[in-house]
């Protein structure tokens, strides 16, 4: 496909938690989109929190197998992320979501797998819609 496939915490949690309301959708998407999927450390931290101690080993396995890779340098993108957090403070935007939006601005041909409806609001490069695959698309 040639896309830079980005995943957020909502997608990863849906994929790894069988009782999640978007689990079947996430499993179907995981078969359609090549790996490795890219993300940021903030999204991984959020995912680990959502999964809890019992679910985190599944996330660890995805990371060990390099199916999900953190590929974002916050230090190099701090100002851009903070600008997004300020712009979307009324949503509010999480650090993880701001990092992912910034990733869509710096990567070629990005596409975000998400079950987070806030991504309908976020824009890249000011007013450009973020390419998404989500349960509502």
C-alpha atoms as a PDB file:
ATOM      1  CA  UNK A   1       0.000   0.000   0.000  1.00  0.00           C
ATOM      2  CA  UNK A   2       2.869   2.408   0.597  1.00  0.00           C
ATOM      3  CA  UNK A   3       1.007   4.139   3.419  1.00  0.00           C
ATOM      4  CA  UNK A   4       2.444   5.131   6.752  1.00  0.00           C
ATOM      5  CA  UNK A   5      -0.143   3.421   8.943  1.00  0.00           C
ATOM      6  CA  UNK A   6      -0.445   5.065  12.347  1.00  0.00           C
ATOM      7  CA  UNK A   7      -2.331   3.537  15.267  1.00  0.00           C
ATOM      8  CA  UNK A   8      -3.698   5.212  18.354  1.00  0.00           C
ATOM      9  CA  UNK A   9      -4.501   3.866  21.795  1.00  0.00           C
ATOM     10  CA  UNK A  10      -8.202   3.436  21.009  1.00  0.00           C
ATOM     11  CA  UNK A  11      -7.414   1.193  18.042  1.00  0.00           C
ATOM     12  CA  UNK A  12      -4.844  -0.865  19.938  1.00  0.00           C
ATOM     13  CA  UNK A  13      -7.169  -1.286  22.921  1.00  0.00           C
ATOM     14  CA  UNK A  14     -10.027  -2.341  20.619  1.00  0.00           C
ATOM     15  CA  UNK A  15      -7.737  -4.851  18.932  1.00  0.00           C
ATOM     16  CA  UNK A  16      -6.427  -6.334  22.173  1.00  0.00           C
ATOM     17  CA  UNK A  17      -9.584  -6.310  24.327  1.00  0.00           C
ATOM     18  CA  UNK A  18     -12.085  -8.895  23.025  1.00  0.00           C
ATOM     19  CA  UNK A  19     -15.002  -7.295  24.884  1.00  0.00           C
ATOM     20  CA  UNK A  20     -14.336  -3.841  23.377  1.00  0.00           C
ATOM     21  CA  UNK A  21     -17.275  -2.653  21.257  1.00  0.00           C
ATOM     22  CA  UNK A  22     -14.926  -2.081  18.286  1.00  0.00           C
ATOM     23  CA  UNK A  23     -12.956  -5.326  18.630  1.00  0.00           C
ATOM     24  CA  UNK A  24     -14.340  -7.056  15.521  1.00  0.00           C
ATOM     25  CA  UNK A  25     -13.769  -3.925  13.460  1.00  0.00           C
ATOM     26  CA  UNK A  26     -10.170  -3.618  14.736  1.00  0.00           C
ATOM     27  CA  UNK A  27      -9.415  -7.277  13.977  1.00  0.00           C
ATOM     28  CA  UNK A  28     -10.753  -6.833  10.441  1.00  0.00           C
ATOM     29  CA  UNK A  29      -8.627  -3.700   9.948  1.00  0.00           C
ATOM     30  CA  UNK A  30      -5.523  -5.412  11.277  1.00  0.00           C
ATOM     31  CA  UNK A  31      -5.791  -7.912   8.439  1.00  0.00           C
ATOM     32  CA  UNK A  32      -6.161  -5.139   5.832  1.00  0.00           C
ATOM     33  CA  UNK A  33      -3.316  -2.824   6.759  1.00  0.00           C
ATOM     34  CA  UNK A  34       0.309  -3.830   6.499  1.00  0.00           C
ATOM     35  CA  UNK A  35       2.659  -3.707   9.409  1.00  0.00           C
ATOM     36  CA  UNK A  36       4.648  -2.466  11.110  1.00  0.00           C
ATOM     37  CA  UNK A  37       2.209   0.118  12.321  1.00  0.00           C
ATOM     38  CA  UNK A  38       3.707   3.325  13.634  1.00  0.00           C
ATOM     39  CA  UNK A  39       2.787   5.149  16.799  1.00  0.00           C
ATOM     40  CA  UNK A  40       4.265   7.325  19.528  1.00  0.00           C
ATOM     41  CA  UNK A  41       5.354   6.525  23.076  1.00  0.00           C
ATOM     42  CA  UNK A  42       2.456   8.548  24.502  1.00  0.00           C
ATOM     43  CA  UNK A  43      -0.053   6.334  22.659  1.00  0.00           C
ATOM     44  CA  UNK A  44       1.708   3.226  23.945  1.00  0.00           C
ATOM     45  CA  UNK A  45       1.522   4.530  27.504  1.00  0.00           C
ATOM     46  CA  UNK A  46      -2.184   5.298  27.060  1.00  0.00           C
ATOM     47  CA  UNK A  47      -2.764   1.826  25.612  1.00  0.00           C
ATOM     48  CA  UNK A  48      -0.974   0.144  28.495  1.00  0.00           C
ATOM     49  CA  UNK A  49      -3.154   2.073  30.937  1.00  0.00           C
ATOM     50  CA  UNK A  50      -6.336   1.065  29.085  1.00  0.00           C
ATOM     51  CA  UNK A  51      -5.277  -2.586  28.948  1.00  0.00           C
ATOM     52  CA  UNK A  52      -4.241  -2.819  32.584  1.00  0.00           C
ATOM     53  CA  UNK A  53      -1.846  -5.377  34.009  1.00  0.00           C
ATOM     54  CA  UNK A  54      -3.685  -8.343  32.510  1.00  0.00           C
ATOM     55  CA  UNK A  55      -3.783  -6.955  28.972  1.00  0.00           C
ATOM     56  CA  UNK A  56      -0.393  -5.267  28.709  1.00  0.00           C
ATOM     57  CA  UNK A  57       1.459  -8.524  27.835  1.00  0.00           C
ATOM     58  CA  UNK A  58      -0.464  -8.544  24.523  1.00  0.00           C
ATOM     59  CA  UNK A  59       0.862  -5.066  23.760  1.00  0.00           C
ATOM     60  CA  UNK A  60       4.367  -6.140  24.735  1.00  0.00           C
ATOM     61  CA  UNK A  61       4.112  -9.006  22.263  1.00  0.00           C
ATOM     62  CA  UNK A  62       3.140  -6.634  19.429  1.00  0.00           C
ATOM     63  CA  UNK A  63       6.157  -4.491  20.305  1.00  0.00           C
ATOM     64  CA  UNK A  64       8.586  -7.421  20.607  1.00  0.00           C
ATOM     65  CA  UNK A  65       7.497  -8.724  17.212  1.00  0.00           C
ATOM     66  CA  UNK A  66       7.910  -5.192  15.779  1.00  0.00           C
ATOM     67  CA  UNK A  67       4.310  -5.191  14.555  1.00  0.00           C
ATOM     68  CA  UNK A  68       3.885  -1.824  16.285  1.00  0.00           C
ATOM     69  CA  UNK A  69       6.854   0.536  16.429  1.00  0.00           C
ATOM     70  CA  UNK A  70       7.249   3.869  18.184  1.00  0.00           C
ATOM     71  CA  UNK A  71       8.657   6.128  15.483  1.00  0.00           C
ATOM     72  CA  UNK A  72       8.094   9.640  16.757  1.00  0.00           C
ATOM     73  CA  UNK A  73      10.734  11.916  18.252  1.00  0.00           C
ATOM     74  CA  UNK A  74       8.868  14.240  20.608  1.00  0.00           C
ATOM     75  CA  UNK A  75      11.994  16.303  21.265  1.00  0.00           C
ATOM     76  CA  UNK A  76      12.217  17.139  17.561  1.00  0.00           C
ATOM     77  CA  UNK A  77       8.514  18.018  17.347  1.00  0.00           C
ATOM     78  CA  UNK A  78       7.794  19.586  20.716  1.00  0.00           C
ATOM     79  CA  UNK A  79       6.686  22.985  19.406  1.00  0.00           C
ATOM     80  CA  UNK A  80       4.381  21.456  16.787  1.00  0.00           C
ATOM     81  CA  UNK A  81       2.781  19.140  19.365  1.00  0.00           C
ATOM     82  CA  UNK A  82       2.330  21.941  21.889  1.00  0.00           C
ATOM     83  CA  UNK A  83       0.778  24.159  19.198  1.00  0.00           C
ATOM     84  CA  UNK A  84      -1.752  21.401  18.471  1.00  0.00           C
ATOM     85  CA  UNK A  85      -2.502  20.977  22.175  1.00  0.00           C
ATOM     86  CA  UNK A  86      -3.182  24.707  22.415  1.00  0.00           C
ATOM     87  CA  UNK A  87      -5.302  24.751  19.246  1.00  0.00           C
ATOM     88  CA  UNK A  88      -7.475  21.842  20.441  1.00  0.00           C
ATOM     89  CA  UNK A  89      -7.529  22.650  24.162  1.00  0.00           C
ATOM     90  CA  UNK A  90     -11.330  22.895  24.016  1.00  0.00           C
ATOM     91  CA  UNK A  91     -11.717  19.281  22.767  1.00  0.00           C
ATOM     92  CA  UNK A  92      -9.361  18.631  24.759  1.00  0.00           C
ATOM     93  CA  UNK A  93      -6.626  16.820  22.858  1.00  0.00           C
ATOM     94  CA  UNK A  94      -4.391  14.342  24.661  1.00  0.00           C
ATOM     95  CA  UNK A  95      -0.632  14.378  24.318  1.00  0.00           C
ATOM     96  CA  UNK A  96      -0.866  11.075  22.441  1.00  0.00           C
ATOM     97  CA  UNK A  97      -3.410  12.417  19.949  1.00  0.00           C
ATOM     98  CA  UNK A  98      -1.384  15.597  19.409  1.00  0.00           C
ATOM     99  CA  UNK A  99       1.707  13.507  18.683  1.00  0.00           C
ATOM    100  CA  UNK A 100      -0.235  11.389  16.182  1.00  0.00           C
ATOM    101  CA  UNK A 101      -1.664  14.451  14.447  1.00  0.00           C
ATOM    102  CA  UNK A 102       1.869  15.837  14.226  1.00  0.00           C
ATOM    103  CA  UNK A 103       3.019  12.514  12.756  1.00  0.00           C
ATOM    104  CA  UNK A 104       0.431  12.939   9.982  1.00  0.00           C
ATOM    105  CA  UNK A 105       2.048  16.291   9.205  1.00  0.00           C
ATOM    106  CA  UNK A 106       5.604  14.993   8.925  1.00  0.00           C
ATOM    107  CA  UNK A 107       5.136  11.564   7.319  1.00  0.00           C
ATOM    108  CA  UNK A 108       4.343  11.008   3.681  1.00  0.00           C
ATOM    109  CA  UNK A 109       1.022   9.352   2.843  1.00  0.00           C
ATOM    110  CA  UNK A 110      -0.170   8.921   6.463  1.00  0.00           C
ATOM    111  CA  UNK A 111      -3.307   7.076   7.496  1.00  0.00           C
ATOM    112  CA  UNK A 112      -4.589   6.707  11.068  1.00  0.00           C
ATOM    113  CA  UNK A 113      -6.389   3.634  12.370  1.00  0.00           C
ATOM    114  CA  UNK A 114      -8.544   4.885  15.236  1.00  0.00           C
ATOM    115  CA  UNK A 115     -11.709   4.265  17.184  1.00  0.00           C
ATOM    116  CA  UNK A 116     -11.431   7.731  18.776  1.00  0.00           C
ATOM    117  CA  UNK A 117     -14.122  10.074  17.445  1.00  0.00           C
ATOM    118  CA  UNK A 118     -12.030  13.154  18.309  1.00  0.00           C
ATOM    119  CA  UNK A 119     -10.005  12.485  15.154  1.00  0.00           C
ATOM    120  CA  UNK A 120     -13.029  13.733  13.191  1.00  0.00           C
ATOM    121  CA  UNK A 121     -12.301  17.182  14.651  1.00  0.00           C
ATOM    122  CA  UNK A 122      -8.512  17.329  14.342  1.00  0.00           C
ATOM    123  CA  UNK A 123      -6.861  18.759  11.234  1.00  0.00           C
ATOM    124  CA  UNK A 124      -3.338  18.531   9.873  1.00  0.00           C
ATOM    125  CA  UNK A 125      -1.473  21.499   8.458  1.00  0.00           C
ATOM    126  CA  UNK A 126      -4.217  23.818   9.666  1.00  0.00           C
ATOM    127  CA  UNK A 127      -7.342  22.715   7.803  1.00  0.00           C
ATOM    128  CA  UNK A 128      -6.547  19.442   6.055  1.00  0.00           C
ATOM    129  CA  UNK A 129      -8.608  16.401   7.053  1.00  0.00           C
ATOM    130  CA  UNK A 130      -6.579  13.576   8.549  1.00  0.00           C
ATOM    131  CA  UNK A 131      -6.786  10.383   6.479  1.00  0.00           C
ATOM    132  CA  UNK A 132      -8.582   7.920   8.780  1.00  0.00           C
ATOM    133  CA  UNK A 133      -9.925   4.440   8.931  1.00  0.00           C
ATOM    134  CA  UNK A 134     -12.451   4.363  11.761  1.00  0.00           C
ATOM    135  CA  UNK A 135     -15.627   2.472  12.629  1.00  0.00           C
ATOM    136  CA  UNK A 136     -17.756   5.380  11.422  1.00  0.00           C
ATOM    137  CA  UNK A 137     -16.005   5.790   8.024  1.00  0.00           C
END
